[in-house]
PDB file of N, CA and C in Angstrom:
ATOM      1  N   MET A   1       0.850  -1.181   0.000  1.00  0.00           N
ATOM      2  CA  MET A   1       0.000   0.000   0.000  1.00  0.00           C
ATOM      3  C   MET A   1       0.891   1.238   0.000  1.00  0.00           C
ATOM      4  N   GLN A   2       0.565   2.214  -0.818  1.00  0.00           N
ATOM      5  CA  GLN A   2       1.332   3.442  -0.891  1.00  0.00           C
ATOM      6  C   GLN A   2       1.101   4.284   0.354  1.00  0.00           C
ATOM      7  N   ALA A   3       2.099   5.079   0.711  1.00  0.00           N
ATOM      8  CA  ALA A   3       1.990   5.929   1.898  1.00  0.00           C
ATOM      9  C   ALA A   3       0.880   6.959   1.759  1.00  0.00           C
ATOM     10  N   SER A   4       0.546   7.349   0.521  1.00  0.00           N
ATOM     11  CA  SER A   4      -0.478   8.370   0.318  1.00  0.00           C
ATOM     12  C   SER A   4      -1.898   7.824   0.451  1.00  0.00           C
ATOM     13  N   GLN A   5      -2.044   6.503   0.504  1.00  0.00           N
ATOM     14  CA  GLN A   5      -3.366   5.913   0.624  1.00  0.00           C
ATOM     15  C   GLN A   5      -3.843   5.971   2.065  1.00  0.00           C
ATOM     16  N   ILE A   6      -5.146   6.203   2.217  1.00  0.00           N
ATOM     17  CA  ILE A   6      -5.754   6.229   3.548  1.00  0.00           C
ATOM     18  C   ILE A   6      -6.456   4.895   3.747  1.00  0.00           C
ATOM     19  N   LYS A   7      -6.170   4.225   4.850  1.00  0.00           N
ATOM     20  CA  LYS A   7      -6.806   2.941   5.121  1.00  0.00           C
ATOM     21  C   LYS A   7      -7.809   3.141   6.248  1.00  0.00           C
ATOM     22  N   ASN A   8      -9.050   2.841   5.982  1.00  0.00           N
ATOM     23  CA  ASN A   8     -10.121   2.976   6.961  1.00  0.00           C
ATOM     24  C   ASN A   8     -10.980   1.731   6.933  1.00  0.00           C
ATOM     25  N   CYS A   9     -11.671   1.498   8.010  1.00  0.00           N
ATOM     26  CA  CYS A   9     -12.623   0.403   8.101  1.00  0.00           C
ATOM     27  C   CYS A   9     -14.023   1.008   8.119  1.00  0.00           C
ATOM     28  N   VAL A  10     -14.916   0.472   7.313  1.00  0.00           N
ATOM     29  CA  VAL A  10     -16.293   0.956   7.272  1.00  0.00           C
ATOM     30  C   VAL A  10     -17.235  -0.222   7.484  1.00  0.00           C
ATOM     31  N   THR A  11     -18.487   0.088   7.819  1.00  0.00           N
ATOM     32  CA  THR A  11     -19.499  -0.933   8.047  1.00  0.00           C
ATOM     33  C   THR A  11     -20.653  -0.710   7.079  1.00  0.00           C
ATOM     34  N   PHE A  12     -21.135  -1.780   6.474  1.00  0.00           N
ATOM     35  CA  PHE A  12     -22.270  -1.690   5.566  1.00  0.00           C
ATOM     36  C   PHE A  12     -23.567  -1.829   6.349  1.00  0.00           C
ATOM     37  N   ALA A  13     -24.559  -0.988   5.994  1.00  0.00           N
ATOM     38  CA  ALA A  13     -25.879  -1.051   6.610  1.00  0.00           C
ATOM     39  C   ALA A  13     -26.722  -2.095   5.871  1.00  0.00           C
ATOM     40  N   THR A  14     -27.948  -2.288   6.322  1.00  0.00           N
ATOM     41  CA  THR A  14     -28.801  -3.331   5.751  1.00  0.00           C
ATOM     42  C   THR A  14     -29.080  -3.140   4.265  1.00  0.00           C
ATOM     43  N   LYS A  15     -29.120  -1.918   3.790  1.00  0.00           N
ATOM     44  CA  LYS A  15     -29.391  -1.651   2.376  1.00  0.00           C
ATOM     45  C   LYS A  15     -28.102  -1.458   1.572  1.00  0.00           C
ATOM     46  N   GLY A  16     -26.976  -1.857   2.130  1.00  0.00           N
ATOM     47  CA  GLY A  16     -25.716  -1.720   1.434  1.00  0.00           C
ATOM     48  C   GLY A  16     -25.087  -0.346   1.545  1.00  0.00           C
ATOM     49  N   GLN A  17     -25.674   0.516   2.366  1.00  0.00           N
ATOM     50  CA  GLN A  17     -25.125   1.857   2.539  1.00  0.00           C
ATOM     51  C   GLN A  17     -23.872   1.787   3.401  1.00  0.00           C
ATOM     52  N   VAL A  18     -22.944   2.687   3.112  1.00  0.00           N
ATOM     53  CA  VAL A  18     -21.712   2.741   3.872  1.00  0.00           C
ATOM     54  C   VAL A  18     -21.387   4.202   4.157  1.00  0.00           C
ATOM     55  N   VAL A  19     -20.873   4.475   5.344  1.00  0.00           N
ATOM     56  CA  VAL A  19     -20.474   5.835   5.695  1.00  0.00           C
ATOM     57  C   VAL A  19     -18.981   5.969   5.400  1.00  0.00           C
ATOM     58  N   ILE A  20     -18.650   6.940   4.571  1.00  0.00           N
ATOM     59  CA  ILE A  20     -17.253   7.212   4.235  1.00  0.00           C
ATOM     60  C   ILE A  20     -16.718   8.185   5.281  1.00  0.00           C
ATOM     61  N   PRO A  21     -15.575   7.895   5.888  1.00  0.00           N
ATOM     62  CA  PRO A  21     -15.032   8.772   6.936  1.00  0.00           C
ATOM     63  C   PRO A  21     -14.897  10.221   6.466  1.00  0.00           C
ATOM     64  N   SER A  22     -15.102  11.156   7.393  1.00  0.00           N
ATOM     65  CA  SER A  22     -15.123  12.577   7.045  1.00  0.00           C
ATOM     66  C   SER A  22     -13.821  13.051   6.420  1.00  0.00           C
ATOM     67  N   ALA A  23     -12.675  12.550   6.865  1.00  0.00           N
ATOM     68  CA  ALA A  23     -11.394  12.973   6.276  1.00  0.00           C
ATOM     69  C   ALA A  23     -11.331  12.610   4.793  1.00  0.00           C
ATOM     70  N   VAL A  24     -11.861  11.453   4.440  1.00  0.00           N
ATOM     71  CA  VAL A  24     -11.869  11.016   3.041  1.00  0.00           C
ATOM     72  C   VAL A  24     -12.867  11.861   2.246  1.00  0.00           C
ATOM     73  N   ARG A  25     -14.042  12.142   2.838  1.00  0.00           N
ATOM     74  CA  ARG A  25     -15.036  12.980   2.147  1.00  0.00           C
ATOM     75  C   ARG A  25     -14.464  14.360   1.867  1.00  0.00           C
ATOM     76  N   ARG A  26     -13.765  14.933   2.828  1.00  0.00           N
ATOM     77  CA  ARG A  26     -13.157  16.259   2.616  1.00  0.00           C
ATOM     78  C   ARG A  26     -12.097  16.202   1.517  1.00  0.00           C
ATOM     79  N   ARG A  27     -11.253  15.198   1.569  1.00  0.00           N
ATOM     80  CA  ARG A  27     -10.167  15.080   0.584  1.00  0.00           C
ATOM     81  C   ARG A  27     -10.708  15.010  -0.846  1.00  0.00           C
ATOM     82  N   PHE A  28     -11.823  14.307  -1.045  1.00  0.00           N
ATOM     83  CA  PHE A  28     -12.378  14.126  -2.383  1.00  0.00           C
ATOM     84  C   PHE A  28     -13.584  15.021  -2.661  1.00  0.00           C
ATOM     85  N   GLU A  29     -13.815  16.004  -1.768  1.00  0.00           N
ATOM     86  CA  GLU A  29     -14.889  16.981  -1.946  1.00  0.00           C
ATOM     87  C   GLU A  29     -16.254  16.321  -2.112  1.00  0.00           C
ATOM     88  N   ILE A  30     -16.518  15.301  -1.318  1.00  0.00           N
ATOM     89  CA  ILE A  30     -17.789  14.584  -1.365  1.00  0.00           C
ATOM     90  C   ILE A  30     -18.769  15.272  -0.432  1.00  0.00           C
ATOM     91  N   LYS A  31     -19.876  15.719  -0.988  1.00  0.00           N
ATOM     92  CA  LYS A  31     -20.941  16.380  -0.227  1.00  0.00           C
ATOM     93  C   LYS A  31     -22.191  15.493  -0.279  1.00  0.00           C
ATOM     94  N   GLU A  32     -23.208  15.857   0.492  1.00  0.00           N
ATOM     95  CA  GLU A  32     -24.475  15.131   0.441  1.00  0.00           C
ATOM     96  C   GLU A  32     -25.015  15.182  -0.994  1.00  0.00           C
ATOM     97  N   GLY A  33     -25.423  14.047  -1.506  1.00  0.00           N
ATOM     98  CA  GLY A  33     -25.975  13.976  -2.856  1.00  0.00           C
ATOM     99  C   GLY A  33     -24.938  13.732  -3.943  1.00  0.00           C
ATOM    100  N   THR A  34     -23.639  13.708  -3.585  1.00  0.00           N
ATOM    101  CA  THR A  34     -22.598  13.440  -4.578  1.00  0.00           C
ATOM    102  C   THR A  34     -22.790  12.035  -5.133  1.00  0.00           C
ATOM    103  N   ARG A  35     -22.721  11.914  -6.435  1.00  0.00           N
ATOM    104  CA  ARG A  35     -22.849  10.614  -7.088  1.00  0.00           C
ATOM    105  C   ARG A  35     -21.459  10.018  -7.267  1.00  0.00           C
ATOM    106  N   ALA A  36     -21.413   8.706  -7.472  1.00  0.00           N
ATOM    107  CA  ALA A  36     -20.142   8.020  -7.671  1.00  0.00           C
ATOM    108  C   ALA A  36     -20.337   6.869  -8.645  1.00  0.00           C
ATOM    109  N   THR A  37     -19.258   6.511  -9.313  1.00  0.00           N
ATOM    110  CA  THR A  37     -19.292   5.309 -10.129  1.00  0.00           C
ATOM    111  C   THR A  37     -18.798   4.155  -9.262  1.00  0.00           C
ATOM    112  N   LEU A  38     -19.325   2.977  -9.494  1.00  0.00           N
ATOM    113  CA  LEU A  38     -18.930   1.788  -8.756  1.00  0.00           C
ATOM    114  C   LEU A  38     -18.390   0.793  -9.765  1.00  0.00           C
ATOM    115  N   THR A  39     -17.181   0.302  -9.521  1.00  0.00           N
ATOM    116  CA  THR A  39     -16.553  -0.658 -10.414  1.00  0.00           C
ATOM    117  C   THR A  39     -16.123  -1.868  -9.598  1.00  0.00           C
ATOM    118  N   VAL A  40     -16.457  -3.056 -10.087  1.00  0.00           N
ATOM    119  CA  VAL A  40     -16.007  -4.284  -9.453  1.00  0.00           C
ATOM    120  C   VAL A  40     -14.688  -4.658 -10.116  1.00  0.00           C
ATOM    121  N   THR A  41     -13.632  -4.794  -9.312  1.00  0.00           N
ATOM    122  CA  THR A  41     -12.308  -5.127  -9.825  1.00  0.00           C
ATOM    123  C   THR A  41     -11.865  -6.474  -9.257  1.00  0.00           C
ATOM    124  N   GLY A  42     -10.734  -6.934  -9.694  1.00  0.00           N
ATOM    125  CA  GLY A  42     -10.186  -8.170  -9.158  1.00  0.00           C
ATOM    126  C   GLY A  42      -9.800  -8.049  -7.694  1.00  0.00           C
ATOM    127  N   GLN A  43      -9.620  -6.814  -7.220  1.00  0.00           N
ATOM    128  CA  GLN A  43      -9.230  -6.591  -5.831  1.00  0.00           C
ATOM    129  C   GLN A  43     -10.407  -6.229  -4.935  1.00  0.00           C
ATOM    130  N   GLY A  44     -11.570  -5.965  -5.508  1.00  0.00           N
ATOM    131  CA  GLY A  44     -12.728  -5.604  -4.695  1.00  0.00           C
ATOM    132  C   GLY A  44     -13.616  -4.595  -5.378  1.00  0.00           C
ATOM    133  N   ILE A  45     -14.143  -3.654  -4.616  1.00  0.00           N
ATOM    134  CA  ILE A  45     -15.067  -2.636  -5.102  1.00  0.00           C
ATOM    135  C   ILE A  45     -14.359  -1.295  -5.111  1.00  0.00           C
ATOM    136  N   MET A  46     -14.477  -0.563  -6.219  1.00  0.00           N
ATOM    137  CA  MET A  46     -13.880   0.764  -6.307  1.00  0.00           C
ATOM    138  C   MET A  46     -14.990   1.783  -6.503  1.00  0.00           C
ATOM    139  N   LEU A  47     -15.063   2.779  -5.623  1.00  0.00           N
ATOM    140  CA  LEU A  47     -16.006   3.890  -5.735  1.00  0.00           C
ATOM    141  C   LEU A  47     -15.233   5.124  -6.158  1.00  0.00           C
ATOM    142  N   LYS A  48     -15.712   5.804  -7.202  1.00  0.00           N
ATOM    143  CA  LYS A  48     -15.085   7.047  -7.643  1.00  0.00           C
ATOM    144  C   LYS A  48     -16.138   8.142  -7.631  1.00  0.00           C
ATOM    145  N   PRO A  49     -15.994   9.124  -6.752  1.00  0.00           N
ATOM    146  CA  PRO A  49     -16.977  10.203  -6.695  1.00  0.00           C
ATOM    147  C   PRO A  49     -16.949  11.033  -7.966  1.00  0.00           C
ATOM    148  N   ILE A  50     -18.123  11.502  -8.363  1.00  0.00           N
ATOM    149  CA  ILE A  50     -18.234  12.384  -9.525  1.00  0.00           C
ATOM    150  C   ILE A  50     -18.436  13.786  -8.964  1.00  0.00           C
ATOM    151  N   THR A  51     -17.349  14.543  -8.892  1.00  0.00           N
ATOM    152  CA  THR A  51     -17.383  15.897  -8.356  1.00  0.00           C
ATOM    153  C   THR A  51     -16.841  16.861  -9.393  1.00  0.00           C
ATOM    154  N   ALA A  52     -16.967  18.148  -9.127  1.00  0.00           N
ATOM    155  CA  ALA A  52     -16.428  19.151 -10.048  1.00  0.00           C
ATOM    156  C   ALA A  52     -14.933  18.939 -10.243  1.00  0.00           C
ATOM    157  N   ALA A  53     -14.233  18.562  -9.181  1.00  0.00           N
ATOM    158  CA  ALA A  53     -12.783  18.339  -9.273  1.00  0.00           C
ATOM    159  C   ALA A  53     -12.456  17.163 -10.186  1.00  0.00           C
ATOM    160  N   THR A  54     -13.201  16.050 -10.050  1.00  0.00           N
ATOM    161  CA  THR A  54     -12.909  14.899 -10.899  1.00  0.00           C
ATOM    162  C   THR A  54     -13.319  15.139 -12.338  1.00  0.00           C
ATOM    163  N   ILE A  55     -14.399  15.885 -12.554  1.00  0.00           N
ATOM    164  CA  ILE A  55     -14.803  16.223 -13.920  1.00  0.00           C
ATOM    165  C   ILE A  55     -13.765  17.136 -14.556  1.00  0.00           C
ATOM    166  N   GLY A  56     -13.281  18.114 -13.790  1.00  0.00           N
ATOM    167  CA  GLY A  56     -12.253  19.021 -14.299  1.00  0.00           C
ATOM    168  C   GLY A  56     -10.966  18.290 -14.636  1.00  0.00           C
ATOM    169  N   ALA A  57     -10.582  17.329 -13.801  1.00  0.00           N
ATOM    170  CA  ALA A  57      -9.365  16.556 -14.037  1.00  0.00           C
ATOM    171  C   ALA A  57      -9.501  15.668 -15.267  1.00  0.00           C
ATOM    172  N   ALA A  58     -10.707  15.213 -15.547  1.00  0.00           N
ATOM    173  CA  ALA A  58     -10.929  14.328 -16.689  1.00  0.00           C
ATOM    174  C   ALA A  58     -11.164  15.090 -17.988  1.00  0.00           C
ATOM    175  N   ARG A  59     -11.383  16.377 -17.900  1.00  0.00           N
ATOM    176  CA  ARG A  59     -11.674  17.173 -19.081  1.00  0.00           C
ATOM    177  C   ARG A  59     -10.577  16.988 -20.124  1.00  0.00           C
ATOM    178  N   GLY A  60     -10.988  16.641 -21.335  1.00  0.00           N
ATOM    179  CA  GLY A  60     -10.046  16.464 -22.433  1.00  0.00           C
ATOM    180  C   GLY A  60      -9.566  15.038 -22.603  1.00  0.00           C
ATOM    181  N   THR A  61      -9.817  14.162 -21.619  1.00  0.00           N
ATOM    182  CA  THR A  61      -9.333  12.787 -21.747  1.00  0.00           C
ATOM    183  C   THR A  61     -10.117  11.993 -22.780  1.00  0.00           C
ATOM    184  N   LEU A  62     -11.303  12.439 -23.131  1.00  0.00           N
ATOM    185  CA  LEU A  62     -12.100  11.742 -24.132  1.00  0.00           C
ATOM    186  C   LEU A  62     -11.975  12.355 -25.523  1.00  0.00           C
ATOM    187  N   SER A  63     -11.118  13.324 -25.664  1.00  0.00           N
ATOM    188  CA  SER A  63     -10.970  13.989 -26.964  1.00  0.00           C
ATOM    189  C   SER A  63     -10.697  12.969 -28.051  1.00  0.00           C
ATOM    190  N   GLY A  64     -11.518  13.021 -29.089  1.00  0.00           N
ATOM    191  CA  GLY A  64     -11.350  12.115 -30.206  1.00  0.00           C
ATOM    192  C   GLY A  64     -11.975  10.757 -29.988  1.00  0.00           C
ATOM    193  N   LYS A  65     -12.350  10.430 -28.774  1.00  0.00           N
ATOM    194  CA  LYS A  65     -12.913   9.118 -28.474  1.00  0.00           C
ATOM    195  C   LYS A  65     -14.436   9.115 -28.505  1.00  0.00           C
ATOM    196  N   ASN A  66     -15.052  10.278 -28.260  1.00  0.00           N
ATOM    197  CA  ASN A  66     -16.513  10.285 -28.152  1.00  0.00           C
ATOM    198  C   ASN A  66     -17.199  10.683 -29.447  1.00  0.00           C
ATOM    199  N   ARG A  67     -16.441  10.943 -30.489  1.00  0.00           N
ATOM    200  CA  ARG A  67     -16.973  11.254 -31.820  1.00  0.00           C
ATOM    201  C   ARG A  67     -18.036  12.344 -31.780  1.00  0.00           C
ATOM    202  N   GLY A  68     -17.768  13.410 -31.011  1.00  0.00           N
ATOM    203  CA  GLY A  68     -18.660  14.565 -30.990  1.00  0.00           C
ATOM    204  C   GLY A  68     -19.824  14.469 -30.025  1.00  0.00           C
ATOM    205  N   LYS A  69     -19.949  13.389 -29.270  1.00  0.00           N
ATOM    206  CA  LYS A  69     -21.037  13.263 -28.316  1.00  0.00           C
ATOM    207  C   LYS A  69     -20.746  14.126 -27.095  1.00  0.00           C
ATOM    208  N   SER A  70     -21.789  14.730 -26.552  1.00  0.00           N
ATOM    209  CA  SER A  70     -21.623  15.523 -25.337  1.00  0.00           C
ATOM    210  C   SER A  70     -21.476  14.585 -24.142  1.00  0.00           C
ATOM    211  N   LEU A  71     -20.938  15.116 -23.065  1.00  0.00           N
ATOM    212  CA  LEU A  71     -20.798  14.322 -21.848  1.00  0.00           C
ATOM    213  C   LEU A  71     -22.168  13.860 -21.352  1.00  0.00           C
ATOM    214  N   ALA A  72     -23.172  14.735 -21.462  1.00  0.00           N
ATOM    215  CA  ALA A  72     -24.525  14.377 -21.028  1.00  0.00           C
ATOM    216  C   ALA A  72     -25.056  13.199 -21.846  1.00  0.00           C
ATOM    217  N   ARG A  73     -24.807  13.220 -23.149  1.00  0.00           N
ATOM    218  CA  ARG A  73     -25.287  12.130 -24.007  1.00  0.00           C
ATOM    219  C   ARG A  73     -24.542  10.832 -23.686  1.00  0.00           C
ATOM    220  N   GLU A  74     -23.226  10.933 -23.507  1.00  0.00           N
ATOM    221  CA  GLU A  74     -22.438   9.761 -23.138  1.00  0.00           C
ATOM    222  C   GLU A  74     -22.957   9.161 -21.837  1.00  0.00           C
ATOM    223  N   TRP A  75     -23.241  10.011 -20.841  1.00  0.00           N
ATOM    224  CA  TRP A  75     -23.734   9.541 -19.549  1.00  0.00           C
ATOM    225  C   TRP A  75     -25.104   8.882 -19.694  1.00  0.00           C
ATOM    226  N   ARG A  76     -25.989   9.505 -20.477  1.00  0.00           N
ATOM    227  CA  ARG A  76     -27.327   8.957 -20.696  1.00  0.00           C
ATOM    228  C   ARG A  76     -27.224   7.567 -21.334  1.00  0.00           C
ATOM    229  N   GLU A  77     -26.365   7.419 -22.343  1.00  0.00           N
ATOM    230  CA  GLU A  77     -26.200   6.126 -23.008  1.00  0.00           C
ATOM    231  C   GLU A  77     -25.614   5.089 -22.045  1.00  0.00           C
ATOM    232  N   HIS A  78     -24.692   5.535 -21.208  1.00  0.00           N
ATOM    233  CA  HIS A  78     -24.115   4.637 -20.205  1.00  0.00           C
ATOM    234  C   HIS A  78     -25.197   4.140 -19.250  1.00  0.00           C
ATOM    235  N   LYS A  79     -26.044   5.050 -18.768  1.00  0.00           N
ATOM    236  CA  LYS A  79     -27.103   4.682 -17.834  1.00  0.00           C
ATOM    237  C   LYS A  79     -28.129   3.758 -18.494  1.00  0.00           C
ATOM    238  N   GLN A  80     -28.426   3.978 -19.783  1.00  0.00           N
ATOM    239  CA  GLN A  80     -29.358   3.106 -20.491  1.00  0.00           C
ATOM    240  C   GLN A  80     -28.787   1.693 -20.611  1.00  0.00           C
ATOM    241  N   ALA A  81     -27.512   1.599 -20.955  1.00  0.00           N
ATOM    242  CA  ALA A  81     -26.864   0.289 -21.053  1.00  0.00           C
ATOM    243  C   ALA A  81     -26.829  -0.395 -19.694  1.00  0.00           C
ATOM    244  N   GLU A  82     -26.577   0.376 -18.652  1.00  0.00           N
ATOM    245  CA  GLU A  82     -26.545  -0.165 -17.293  1.00  0.00           C
ATOM    246  C   GLU A  82     -27.931  -0.695 -16.902  1.00  0.00           C
ATOM    247  N   ALA A  83     -28.983   0.058 -17.253  1.00  0.00           N
ATOM    248  CA  ALA A  83     -30.345  -0.371 -16.936  1.00  0.00           C
ATOM    249  C   ALA A  83     -30.698  -1.685 -17.638  1.00  0.00           C
ATOM    250  N   LYS A  84     -30.234  -1.840 -18.869  1.00  0.00           N
ATOM    251  CA  LYS A  84     -30.489  -3.092 -19.608  1.00  0.00           C
ATOM    252  C   LYS A  84     -29.824  -4.273 -18.918  1.00  0.00           C
ATOM    253  N   LEU A  85     -28.629  -4.053 -18.366  1.00  0.00           N
ATOM    254  CA  LEU A  85     -27.926  -5.130 -17.674  1.00  0.00           C
ATOM    255  C   LEU A  85     -28.645  -5.533 -16.400  1.00  0.00           C
ATOM    256  N   GLU A  86     -29.326  -4.580 -15.752  1.00  0.00           N
ATOM    257  CA  GLU A  86     -30.031  -4.870 -14.503  1.00  0.00           C
ATOM    258  C   GLU A  86     -31.326  -5.638 -14.740  1.00  0.00           C
ATOM    259  N   ASP A  87     -31.883  -5.532 -15.941  1.00  0.00           N
ATOM    260  CA  ASP A  87     -33.158  -6.223 -16.238  1.00  0.00           C
ATOM    261  C   ASP A  87     -32.987  -7.705 -16.404  1.00  0.00           C
TER     262      ASP A  87
END
């Protein structure tokens, strides 16, 4: 584990909810209502908050890859595909 990583223990509630420690929420600018992506990896579950900071950091990374689609359209298509997988 890298020295810059924060290691915390959390508890899951009955509906799968988890409280993220306040130091981590501050570091990643997570506020009430902040959305996150959830990815299942070979090492476990990865949550990535979608905040103004993360959107700003990602700006330009899709250049040439989205073929002129707006971020809103890309997100809508992603959510539609995700909904189909849940059915």
